[in-house]
N, C-alpha and C. Protein backbone atom coordinates (compact mmCIF):
# COMPACT_ATOMS: atom_id res chain seq x y z
N MET A 1 0.97 -1.35 0.13
CA MET A 1 -0.16 0.23 0.21
C MET A 1 0.97 1.09 0.19
N ALA A 2 0.65 2.44 -0.90
CA ALA A 2 1.51 3.28 -0.99
C ALA A 2 1.22 4.48 0.16
N ALA A 3 2.09 5.39 0.50
CA ALA A 3 1.85 6.08 1.53
C ALA A 3 0.95 7.22 1.22
N LEU A 4 -0.21 7.30 2.31
CA LEU A 4 -1.20 8.30 2.02
C LEU A 4 -0.41 9.79 2.36
N TRP A 5 0.42 9.82 2.87
CA TRP A 5 0.97 11.60 3.60
C TRP A 5 2.01 11.37 2.80
N ASP A 6 2.36 12.24 1.93
CA ASP A 6 3.63 12.64 1.55
C ASP A 6 4.26 13.80 2.40
N THR A 7 4.98 13.61 3.30
CA THR A 7 5.16 14.77 4.36
C THR A 7 6.30 15.74 4.06
N GLY A 8 7.28 15.13 2.74
CA GLY A 8 8.53 15.99 2.71
C GLY A 8 9.72 16.43 3.63
N GLY A 9 9.51 15.00 4.54
CA GLY A 9 10.57 15.26 5.54
C GLY A 9 10.08 15.50 7.19
N MET A 10 9.43 16.76 6.71
CA MET A 10 8.98 17.21 8.23
C MET A 10 7.20 16.62 8.21
N PHE A 11 6.84 16.18 9.64
CA PHE A 11 5.32 16.17 9.78
C PHE A 11 4.91 17.33 10.16
N LYS A 12 3.76 17.48 9.18
CA LYS A 12 2.46 18.40 9.48
C LYS A 12 1.87 18.19 11.10
N VAL A 13 1.25 18.98 11.47
CA VAL A 13 0.44 19.38 12.77
C VAL A 13 -0.72 18.30 12.38
N GLU A 14 -1.44 18.56 11.16
CA GLU A 14 -2.32 17.52 10.92
C GLU A 14 -1.87 16.32 10.99
N LEU A 15 -1.21 15.32 10.33
CA LEU A 15 -0.63 14.43 10.51
C LEU A 15 -0.68 13.58 12.24
N TYR A 16 -0.04 14.87 12.60
CA TYR A 16 0.20 14.49 14.30
C TYR A 16 -0.82 13.99 15.03
N GLY A 17 -1.68 15.16 14.84
CA GLY A 17 -3.31 14.78 15.27
C GLY A 17 -3.57 13.68 14.82
N ARG A 18 -3.93 13.15 13.67
CA ARG A 18 -4.74 12.13 13.32
C ARG A 18 -3.57 10.69 13.57
N VAL A 19 -2.34 10.44 13.74
CA VAL A 19 -1.87 9.66 14.41
C VAL A 19 -2.16 9.43 15.67
N ARG A 20 -2.18 10.59 16.88
CA ARG A 20 -2.43 10.60 17.90
C ARG A 20 -3.84 9.62 18.02
N ARG A 21 -4.66 10.38 17.52
CA ARG A 21 -6.15 10.10 17.54
C ARG A 21 -6.24 8.64 17.08
N ALA A 22 -5.51 8.47 16.01
CA ALA A 22 -5.90 6.78 15.45
C ALA A 22 -5.25 5.52 16.63
N VAL A 23 -4.24 6.13 17.28
CA VAL A 23 -3.67 5.06 18.38
C VAL A 23 -4.41 5.33 19.47
N LEU A 24 -4.47 6.27 19.98
CA LEU A 24 -5.01 6.32 21.45
C LEU A 24 -6.43 6.59 21.92
N VAL A 25 -7.55 7.51 20.08
CA VAL A 25 -8.77 7.20 20.41
C VAL A 25 -9.31 6.07 20.12
N ASP A 26 -8.86 5.67 18.76
CA ASP A 26 -9.80 4.60 17.95
C ASP A 26 -9.07 2.97 18.25
N GLY A 27 -7.96 3.44 18.94
CA GLY A 27 -6.95 1.65 19.63
C GLY A 27 -6.44 1.17 18.44
N VAL A 28 -6.19 1.51 17.69
CA VAL A 28 -5.76 0.99 16.47
C VAL A 28 -3.80 0.65 16.76
N SER A 29 -3.49 -0.19 16.57
CA SER A 29 -1.91 -0.52 16.92
C SER A 29 -0.69 0.62 16.20
N GLN A 30 0.17 0.84 16.81
CA GLN A 30 0.87 1.74 16.58
C GLN A 30 1.72 1.22 15.12
N ARG A 31 1.74 -0.37 14.86
CA ARG A 31 2.33 -0.99 13.56
C ARG A 31 1.73 -0.63 12.40
N ALA A 32 0.24 -0.79 12.86
CA ALA A 32 -0.93 -0.49 11.67
C ALA A 32 -0.97 0.92 11.30
N VAL A 33 -1.02 1.78 12.33
CA VAL A 33 -0.48 3.23 11.59
C VAL A 33 0.04 3.34 11.34
N ALA A 34 1.62 3.38 11.75
CA ALA A 34 2.63 3.76 10.55
C ALA A 34 2.59 2.96 9.49
N ARG A 35 2.05 1.71 8.90
CA ARG A 35 1.77 1.24 7.81
C ARG A 35 0.79 1.74 7.13
N GLU A 36 -0.49 2.56 7.64
CA GLU A 36 -1.32 3.25 6.97
C GLU A 36 -1.17 4.57 6.58
N PHE A 37 -0.15 5.61 7.40
CA PHE A 37 0.40 6.64 7.32
C PHE A 37 1.50 6.69 6.18
N GLY A 38 2.26 5.77 6.02
CA GLY A 38 3.74 5.92 5.48
C GLY A 38 4.82 6.32 6.52
N ILE A 39 4.88 6.14 7.69
CA ILE A 39 5.88 6.45 8.51
C ILE A 39 6.43 5.41 9.34
N SER A 40 7.77 5.80 9.85
CA SER A 40 8.29 4.78 10.58
C SER A 40 7.32 4.48 12.00
N ARG A 41 7.77 2.95 12.50
CA ARG A 41 6.90 2.91 13.96
C ARG A 41 7.48 3.72 15.25
N LYS A 42 8.89 4.14 14.79
CA LYS A 42 9.52 4.91 15.79
C LYS A 42 8.93 6.60 15.55
N SER A 43 8.70 7.06 14.58
CA SER A 43 7.59 7.94 14.61
C SER A 43 6.45 8.28 15.46
N VAL A 44 5.81 7.19 14.82
CA VAL A 44 4.53 6.72 15.56
C VAL A 44 4.66 7.08 16.99
N ARG A 45 5.72 6.11 17.58
CA ARG A 45 5.84 6.09 18.78
C ARG A 45 6.05 7.87 19.57
N LYS A 46 7.18 8.29 19.21
CA LYS A 46 7.18 9.88 19.58
C LYS A 46 5.95 10.61 19.08
N MET A 47 5.15 10.62 18.56
CA MET A 47 4.03 11.17 18.21
C MET A 47 2.81 11.12 19.12
N VAL A 48 2.94 9.54 19.74
CA VAL A 48 2.40 8.98 20.81
C VAL A 48 2.45 9.62 22.07
N SER A 49 4.07 9.62 22.32
CA SER A 49 4.44 10.11 23.65
C SER A 49 4.48 11.64 24.16
N PHE A 50 4.61 12.41 23.20
CA PHE A 50 4.37 13.95 23.15
C PHE A 50 3.04 14.19 22.48
N SER A 51 2.50 15.03 23.82
CA SER A 51 0.97 15.71 23.11
C SER A 51 1.25 16.77 22.14
N VAL A 52 2.23 17.21 22.41
CA VAL A 52 2.78 18.70 21.55
C VAL A 52 3.95 18.41 20.82
N PRO A 53 4.16 18.74 19.74
CA PRO A 53 5.60 18.42 18.91
C PRO A 53 6.61 19.11 19.74
N PRO A 54 7.68 18.30 20.07
CA PRO A 54 8.56 18.98 20.81
C PRO A 54 9.81 19.72 19.93
N GLY A 55 9.29 19.81 18.73
CA GLY A 55 10.25 20.50 18.13
C GLY A 55 12.05 20.29 17.91
N TYR A 56 12.54 20.99 17.61
CA TYR A 56 14.29 20.42 17.30
C TYR A 56 14.93 21.16 18.83
N ARG A 57 15.58 20.29 19.29
CA ARG A 57 16.44 20.74 20.14
C ARG A 57 17.79 20.45 20.01
N ARG A 58 18.96 21.48 20.14
CA ARG A 58 20.21 21.20 19.92
C ARG A 58 20.86 20.34 21.55
N GLU A 59 21.77 19.57 21.09
CA GLU A 59 22.26 19.09 22.27
C GLU A 59 23.23 19.63 22.56
N GLU A 60 24.13 20.46 21.59
CA GLU A 60 24.95 21.06 21.94
C GLU A 60 25.15 22.33 21.59
N PRO A 61 25.82 23.55 22.12
CA PRO A 61 25.70 24.57 21.26
C PRO A 61 26.55 24.74 19.91
N ALA A 62 26.01 25.52 19.20
CA ALA A 62 26.88 25.20 17.97
C ALA A 62 28.28 25.66 17.67
N THR A 63 29.00 24.98 17.02
CA THR A 63 30.49 25.31 17.38
C THR A 63 30.76 26.35 16.02
N ARG A 64 31.98 27.02 16.48
CA ARG A 64 32.07 28.09 15.11
C ARG A 64 33.31 27.87 15.39
N PRO A 65 34.69 27.15 14.62
CA PRO A 65 35.58 26.98 14.61
C PRO A 65 36.48 28.07 14.09
N LYS A 66 36.18 28.70 13.34
CA LYS A 66 36.87 29.94 12.72
C LYS A 66 36.84 31.21 14.19
N LEU A 67 35.31 31.23 14.39
CA LEU A 67 35.29 32.56 15.09
C LEU A 67 36.02 32.21 16.82
N ASP A 68 35.67 31.13 17.25
CA ASP A 68 36.18 30.85 19.03
C ASP A 68 37.23 31.49 19.02
N ALA A 69 38.55 31.49 18.39
CA ALA A 69 39.71 31.86 18.84
C ALA A 69 39.42 33.40 18.97
N PHE A 70 38.59 34.10 17.89
CA PHE A 70 38.63 35.33 17.97
C PHE A 70 37.45 36.17 18.71
N VAL A 71 37.02 35.52 19.53
CA VAL A 71 35.68 35.62 20.37
C VAL A 71 36.37 37.00 21.89
N GLY A 72 37.29 36.69 21.92
CA GLY A 72 37.94 37.36 23.24
C GLY A 72 37.94 38.98 22.68
N VAL A 73 38.73 39.10 21.31
CA VAL A 73 39.30 40.46 20.68
C VAL A 73 37.92 40.96 20.34
N ILE A 74 37.13 40.29 19.81
CA ILE A 74 35.71 40.99 19.47
C ILE A 74 35.16 41.23 20.78
N ASP A 75 34.94 40.98 21.83
CA ASP A 75 34.67 41.57 22.94
C ASP A 75 35.22 42.35 23.55
N ALA A 76 36.91 42.48 23.48
CA ALA A 76 37.33 43.54 23.69
C ALA A 76 37.12 44.51 23.12
N ILE A 77 37.11 44.63 21.57
CA ILE A 77 36.70 45.93 20.81
C ILE A 77 35.28 46.52 21.37
N VAL A 78 33.86 45.33 21.82
CA VAL A 78 32.73 46.02 22.30
C VAL A 78 32.91 46.61 23.20
N GLU A 79 33.80 46.11 24.52
CA GLU A 79 33.75 46.84 25.94
C GLU A 79 34.42 48.05 25.67
N GLU A 80 35.52 48.10 24.98
CA GLU A 80 36.26 49.49 24.46
C GLU A 80 35.35 50.53 23.98
N ASP A 81 34.50 49.91 23.13
CA ASP A 81 33.64 50.68 22.46
C ASP A 81 32.36 51.47 23.24
N LYS A 82 32.00 50.76 24.36
CA LYS A 82 31.01 51.16 25.37
C LYS A 82 31.20 52.53 25.57
N ALA A 83 32.65 53.23 26.02
CA ALA A 83 33.21 54.54 26.55
C ALA A 83 32.98 55.62 25.15
N ARG A 84 32.95 55.24 23.83
CA ARG A 84 32.88 56.32 22.84
C ARG A 84 31.38 56.63 22.69
N PRO A 85 31.25 57.70 22.15
CA PRO A 85 30.10 58.10 21.52
C PRO A 85 29.34 56.95 20.69
N ALA A 86 28.23 57.05 20.59
CA ALA A 86 27.48 56.02 19.63
C ALA A 86 27.68 56.18 18.31
N LYS A 87 27.89 57.34 17.79
CA LYS A 87 28.42 57.60 16.35
C LYS A 87 29.72 57.16 16.03
N GLN A 88 30.75 56.58 16.75
CA GLN A 88 32.13 56.47 16.95
C GLN A 88 32.51 55.18 17.24
N ARG A 89 31.32 54.34 17.23
CA ARG A 89 31.42 52.86 17.71
C ARG A 89 31.45 52.18 16.24
N HIS A 90 32.61 51.07 16.72
CA HIS A 90 32.82 49.72 15.62
C HIS A 90 31.20 48.82 14.81
N THR A 91 30.97 49.39 13.37
CA THR A 91 30.01 48.51 12.89
C THR A 91 30.61 46.95 13.21
N ALA A 92 29.49 46.57 12.78
CA ALA A 92 29.88 44.69 12.71
C ALA A 92 30.80 44.68 11.35
N LYS A 93 30.85 45.73 10.33
CA LYS A 93 31.65 45.83 9.27
C LYS A 93 33.20 45.83 9.59
N ARG A 94 33.11 47.20 10.36
CA ARG A 94 34.49 47.73 10.71
C ARG A 94 35.29 46.54 11.63
N VAL A 95 34.31 45.94 12.60
CA VAL A 95 35.09 44.97 13.46
C VAL A 95 35.56 43.38 12.51
N PHE A 96 34.56 43.12 11.75
CA PHE A 96 35.33 42.12 10.53
C PHE A 96 36.56 42.70 9.91
N ASP A 97 36.74 44.05 9.18
CA ASP A 97 37.82 44.58 8.68
C ASP A 97 38.97 44.47 9.57
N ARG A 98 38.66 44.82 10.79
CA ARG A 98 39.66 44.89 11.90
C ARG A 98 40.13 43.23 12.52
N LEU A 99 39.49 42.57 12.12
CA LEU A 99 39.77 40.94 12.41
C LEU A 99 40.68 40.49 11.15
N ARG A 100 40.27 40.88 10.18
CA ARG A 100 41.29 40.31 8.77
C ARG A 100 42.32 41.14 8.97
N GLU A 101 42.52 42.39 8.67
CA GLU A 101 43.73 43.47 9.09
C GLU A 101 44.98 42.84 10.22
N GLU A 102 44.04 43.16 11.61
CA GLU A 102 45.06 42.94 12.40
C GLU A 102 45.55 41.46 12.89
N HIS A 103 44.39 40.17 12.79
CA HIS A 103 44.74 39.41 13.33
C HIS A 103 44.14 37.99 12.46
N GLN A 104 44.44 38.35 11.23
CA GLN A 104 44.61 37.22 9.97
C GLN A 104 43.39 36.30 10.00
N PHE A 105 41.80 37.02 10.74
CA PHE A 105 40.88 36.11 10.47
C PHE A 105 40.56 35.80 8.94
N THR A 106 40.20 34.50 9.02
CA THR A 106 39.63 33.91 7.90
C THR A 106 38.45 33.31 7.51
N GLY A 107 37.57 34.01 8.59
CA GLY A 107 36.29 33.21 8.77
C GLY A 107 35.33 34.20 8.06
N GLY A 108 34.17 34.21 7.53
CA GLY A 108 33.30 35.19 7.05
C GLY A 108 32.56 36.41 7.74
N TYR A 109 31.96 37.36 7.14
CA TYR A 109 31.44 38.62 7.72
C TYR A 109 30.34 38.13 8.54
N THR A 110 29.51 37.46 7.85
CA THR A 110 28.01 36.54 8.59
C THR A 110 28.10 36.10 9.95
N ILE A 111 29.18 35.22 10.02
CA ILE A 111 29.26 34.99 11.67
C ILE A 111 29.77 35.72 12.56
N VAL A 112 30.64 37.04 11.78
CA VAL A 112 30.93 37.84 13.00
C VAL A 112 29.63 38.88 13.47
N LYS A 113 29.08 39.36 12.21
CA LYS A 113 27.66 39.94 12.56
C LYS A 113 26.69 39.27 13.46
N ASP A 114 26.70 38.16 13.03
CA ASP A 114 25.56 37.15 14.03
C ASP A 114 26.20 36.97 15.59
N TYR A 115 27.27 36.74 15.65
CA TYR A 115 28.14 37.06 17.24
C TYR A 115 27.76 38.39 17.79
N LEU A 116 27.68 39.25 16.90
CA LEU A 116 28.14 40.78 17.66
C LEU A 116 26.71 41.08 18.14
N ARG A 117 25.27 40.46 17.21
CA ARG A 117 24.27 40.92 17.20
C ARG A 117 23.63 39.72 18.52
N SER A 118 24.11 38.80 18.85
CA SER A 118 23.64 38.09 19.96
C SER A 118 24.18 38.73 21.23
N ALA A 119 25.68 39.16 21.14
CA ALA A 119 26.12 39.57 22.17
C ALA A 119 25.50 41.00 22.77
N ALA A 120 24.85 41.93 21.70
CA ALA A 120 24.35 42.97 22.25
C ALA A 120 23.04 42.66 23.02
N ARG A 121 22.36 41.32 22.14
CA ARG A 121 20.97 41.27 22.85
C ARG A 121 21.45 40.67 24.26
N ARG A 122 22.73 39.96 24.84
CA ARG A 122 22.79 39.22 25.69
C ARG A 122 22.95 40.63 26.97
N SER A 123 23.64 41.78 26.37
CA SER A 123 23.98 42.50 27.51
C SER A 123 23.09 43.90 27.34
N ARG A 124 21.89 43.69 26.71
CA ARG A 124 20.97 44.61 26.56
C ARG A 124 20.14 44.96 28.15
N GLU A 125 19.98 45.69 28.75
CA GLU A 125 19.15 45.98 29.83
C GLU A 125 17.90 45.81 29.26
N MET A 126 17.08 45.25 30.39
CA MET A 126 15.23 45.31 30.02
C MET A 126 14.98 46.10 31.31
N PHE A 127 13.83 46.88 30.56
CA PHE A 127 12.82 47.86 31.90
C PHE A 127 11.36 47.36 31.57
N ILE A 128 11.21 47.07 32.79
CA ILE A 128 9.41 46.96 32.70
C ILE A 128 8.91 48.09 33.47
N PRO A 129 7.89 48.78 32.14
CA PRO A 129 7.28 50.37 33.03
C PRO A 129 6.48 49.84 33.92
N LEU A 130 6.74 50.61 34.96
CA LEU A 130 5.81 50.34 36.39
C LEU A 130 4.24 51.54 35.76
N VAL A 131 2.96 50.44 35.51
CA VAL A 131 1.85 50.77 35.24
C VAL A 131 0.90 50.46 36.45
N HIS A 132 0.01 51.91 37.07
CA HIS A 132 -0.96 51.51 37.78
C HIS A 132 -1.90 52.34 38.01
N PRO A 133 -3.14 51.98 38.16
CA PRO A 133 -4.31 53.20 38.36
C PRO A 133 -4.17 54.18 39.08
N ALA A 134 -4.71 55.36 38.72
CA ALA A 134 -4.53 56.95 39.40
C ALA A 134 -5.14 56.41 40.62
N GLY A 135 -4.38 57.11 41.93
CA GLY A 135 -4.59 56.88 43.09
C GLY A 135 -4.12 55.77 43.69
N GLU A 136 -3.48 55.19 42.89
CA GLU A 136 -2.72 53.68 43.77
C GLU A 136 -1.11 54.41 43.45
N ALA A 137 -0.25 53.94 44.22
CA ALA A 137 1.12 53.81 44.04
C ALA A 137 1.67 52.47 44.20
N GLN A 138 2.71 52.71 43.52
CA GLN A 138 3.85 51.27 43.41
C GLN A 138 5.15 51.51 44.48
N ALA A 139 5.43 50.69 45.27
CA ALA A 139 6.80 50.81 46.06
C ALA A 139 7.67 49.85 45.56
N ASP A 140 8.74 49.96 45.67
CA ASP A 140 10.11 49.35 45.21
C ASP A 140 11.36 49.37 46.07
N PHE A 141 11.97 48.23 46.65
CA PHE A 141 13.14 48.46 47.29
C PHE A 141 14.15 47.96 46.69
N GLY A 142 15.41 48.73 46.75
CA GLY A 142 16.54 47.89 45.84
C GLY A 142 17.75 48.52 46.51
N GLU A 143 18.67 47.93 45.87
CA GLU A 143 20.01 48.60 46.35
C GLU A 143 20.73 49.15 45.42
N ALA A 144 21.63 50.09 45.65
CA ALA A 144 22.69 50.78 44.68
C ALA A 144 23.87 50.78 45.08
N LEU A 145 24.93 51.57 44.29
CA LEU A 145 26.30 51.55 44.93
C LEU A 145 25.96 53.25 44.83
N ALA A 146 26.47 54.01 46.03
CA ALA A 146 26.39 54.98 46.33
C ALA A 146 27.36 55.82 46.47
N VAL A 147 28.25 57.12 46.55
CA VAL A 147 28.89 57.98 46.87
C VAL A 147 28.75 58.73 48.09
N ILE A 148 28.92 58.33 49.33
CA ILE A 148 28.45 58.93 50.32
C ILE A 148 29.86 59.50 51.64
N GLY A 149 29.73 60.64 51.34
CA GLY A 149 31.25 61.45 51.90
C GLY A 149 32.28 60.97 51.04
N GLY A 150 32.32 60.92 50.00
CA GLY A 150 33.79 60.08 49.31
C GLY A 150 34.02 59.05 49.28
N VAL A 151 33.08 58.06 49.75
CA VAL A 151 33.32 56.73 49.74
C VAL A 151 32.53 56.16 49.16
N GLU A 152 32.41 55.05 48.67
CA GLU A 152 31.51 54.19 47.40
C GLU A 152 31.34 53.38 48.59
N CYS A 153 29.61 53.28 48.65
CA CYS A 153 29.39 52.17 49.46
C CYS A 153 28.20 51.64 48.88
N LYS A 154 27.49 50.72 49.51
CA LYS A 154 26.04 50.27 49.17
C LYS A 154 25.18 50.52 49.99
N ALA A 155 24.05 50.93 49.00
CA ALA A 155 22.88 51.52 50.05
C ALA A 155 21.66 51.14 49.65
N HIS A 156 20.97 51.13 50.23
CA HIS A 156 19.77 50.62 50.30
C HIS A 156 18.49 52.00 50.14
N TYR A 157 17.58 51.35 48.98
CA TYR A 157 16.49 52.53 49.09
C TYR A 157 15.26 51.90 48.78
N LEU A 158 14.33 52.96 49.11
CA LEU A 158 12.53 52.57 48.72
C LEU A 158 12.44 53.89 48.06
N VAL A 159 11.50 53.62 46.93
CA VAL A 159 10.97 54.36 46.09
C VAL A 159 9.56 53.99 45.89
N VAL A 160 8.70 55.18 46.19
CA VAL A 160 7.26 55.14 46.11
C VAL A 160 6.67 56.32 45.04
N ASP A 161 6.21 55.70 44.01
CA ASP A 161 5.79 56.56 42.62
C ASP A 161 4.17 56.36 42.79
N ASP A 162 3.76 57.46 42.61
CA ASP A 162 2.28 57.56 42.49
C ASP A 162 2.16 57.90 40.75
N ARG A 163 0.68 57.92 40.43
CA ARG A 163 0.57 58.27 39.32
C ARG A 163 0.97 59.44 38.82
N ILE A 164 0.59 60.35 39.59
CA ILE A 164 1.18 61.85 39.19
C ILE A 164 2.65 61.79 39.19
N PRO A 165 2.75 62.44 38.20
CA PRO A 165 4.17 62.74 38.02
C PRO A 165 5.14 62.98 39.11
N THR A 166 4.57 64.43 39.58
CA THR A 166 5.22 65.26 40.57
C THR A 166 5.47 64.40 42.06
N THR A 167 4.79 63.49 42.30
CA THR A 167 4.77 62.64 43.67
C THR A 167 5.76 61.56 43.45
N VAL A 168 6.60 61.65 43.56
CA VAL A 168 7.95 60.29 44.05
C VAL A 168 8.48 60.75 45.09
N LEU A 169 9.06 59.75 46.19
CA LEU A 169 9.16 59.54 47.31
C LEU A 169 10.62 58.34 47.13
N SER A 170 11.72 59.31 47.69
CA SER A 170 12.76 58.11 47.73
C SER A 170 13.49 58.29 48.82
N LEU A 171 13.43 57.47 49.60
CA LEU A 171 14.20 57.45 50.61
C LEU A 171 15.45 56.42 50.84
N ARG A 172 16.72 56.69 51.33
CA ARG A 172 17.83 56.08 51.58
C ARG A 172 18.24 55.40 52.62
N PHE A 173 18.83 54.05 53.20
CA PHE A 173 18.64 53.75 53.89
C PHE A 173 20.14 52.86 54.31
N PRO A 174 20.80 53.23 55.48
CA PRO A 174 22.54 52.41 55.41
C PRO A 174 22.18 51.10 55.59
N THR A 175 21.29 50.30 56.16
CA THR A 175 21.19 49.05 56.16
C THR A 175 19.57 48.61 55.63
N ARG A 176 19.20 47.45 55.70
CA ARG A 176 18.04 46.67 55.07
C ARG A 176 16.75 46.24 56.04
N ARG A 177 17.33 47.04 57.61
CA ARG A 177 16.51 46.53 58.67
C ARG A 177 15.25 47.02 58.52
N ARG A 178 14.03 46.39 59.18
CA ARG A 178 12.90 47.01 59.25
C ARG A 178 12.90 48.27 60.45
N LYS A 179 13.65 48.04 61.14
CA LYS A 179 13.64 48.96 62.38
C LYS A 179 14.08 50.54 61.73
N ARG A 180 15.25 50.30 60.86
CA ARG A 180 15.56 51.57 59.99
C ARG A 180 14.51 52.34 59.27
N PHE A 181 13.34 51.47 58.43
CA PHE A 181 12.42 51.92 57.72
C PHE A 181 11.33 52.85 58.48
N LEU A 182 11.15 51.74 59.58
CA LEU A 182 10.07 52.46 60.40
C LEU A 182 10.30 53.75 61.37
N ARG A 183 11.52 53.59 61.56
CA ARG A 183 12.22 55.12 62.07
C ARG A 183 11.95 56.28 61.01
N ALA A 184 12.40 55.96 60.04
CA ALA A 184 12.25 57.49 58.62
C ALA A 184 10.64 57.45 58.86
N THR A 185 9.57 56.65 58.75
CA THR A 185 8.77 57.15 58.00
C THR A 185 7.58 57.72 59.40
C-alpha cells in the first residue's frame, strides 16, 4: 500500500493529530498506524508520547571553529566601544575588517555579524514600565552603589511612585532592617 501522506521530510501538525487520534482514541496499533500513514514506527511512538510536537532541540551549542579563537578580541573591541559616543563605535563591518587586517581572521562576515548581534542582545538591559491606576502607588526596594562622603558604599533605598508625575518619594537607608525603615517614616 502506498503512503497516504507525503510529508516532505517534516511531519505536519495535522498528521501528528491524526496519528495520535488513531492510536489513543480509535485503539489502532502503532504498527498498523505506521503502515497506514507511511511513516516509521519510531515516529509513531514519538508522536504518541508527546502531546505537542517537541520541536528541534540542539544537544550542544553550535561550534564556530573559525570564530571561537577571536571571540575575546571581539569582546574587547565591544567593551572598548562602550566608552565612545554612539556614532564612533565599531560597526560589524568594521570589526570584521579589523579582524582580517590585525589578526588574520579567515572566517566570513556573517558569523562576526551574528555574534555581535547575539552579544548585544545578551548585554541589553530590560526595563518593565510601572503602570498602575490613578490613586494607587507602587513601591520598590532596591540597593545601589552610592558615593557618600567620598566613599563608595552600598545603599538601600525605597522608592514610592504615584501616578501623578510630581509625586515620587525616595528614601535611602544605611541598612535593610525594618527598624530603620519604620524610624524614617
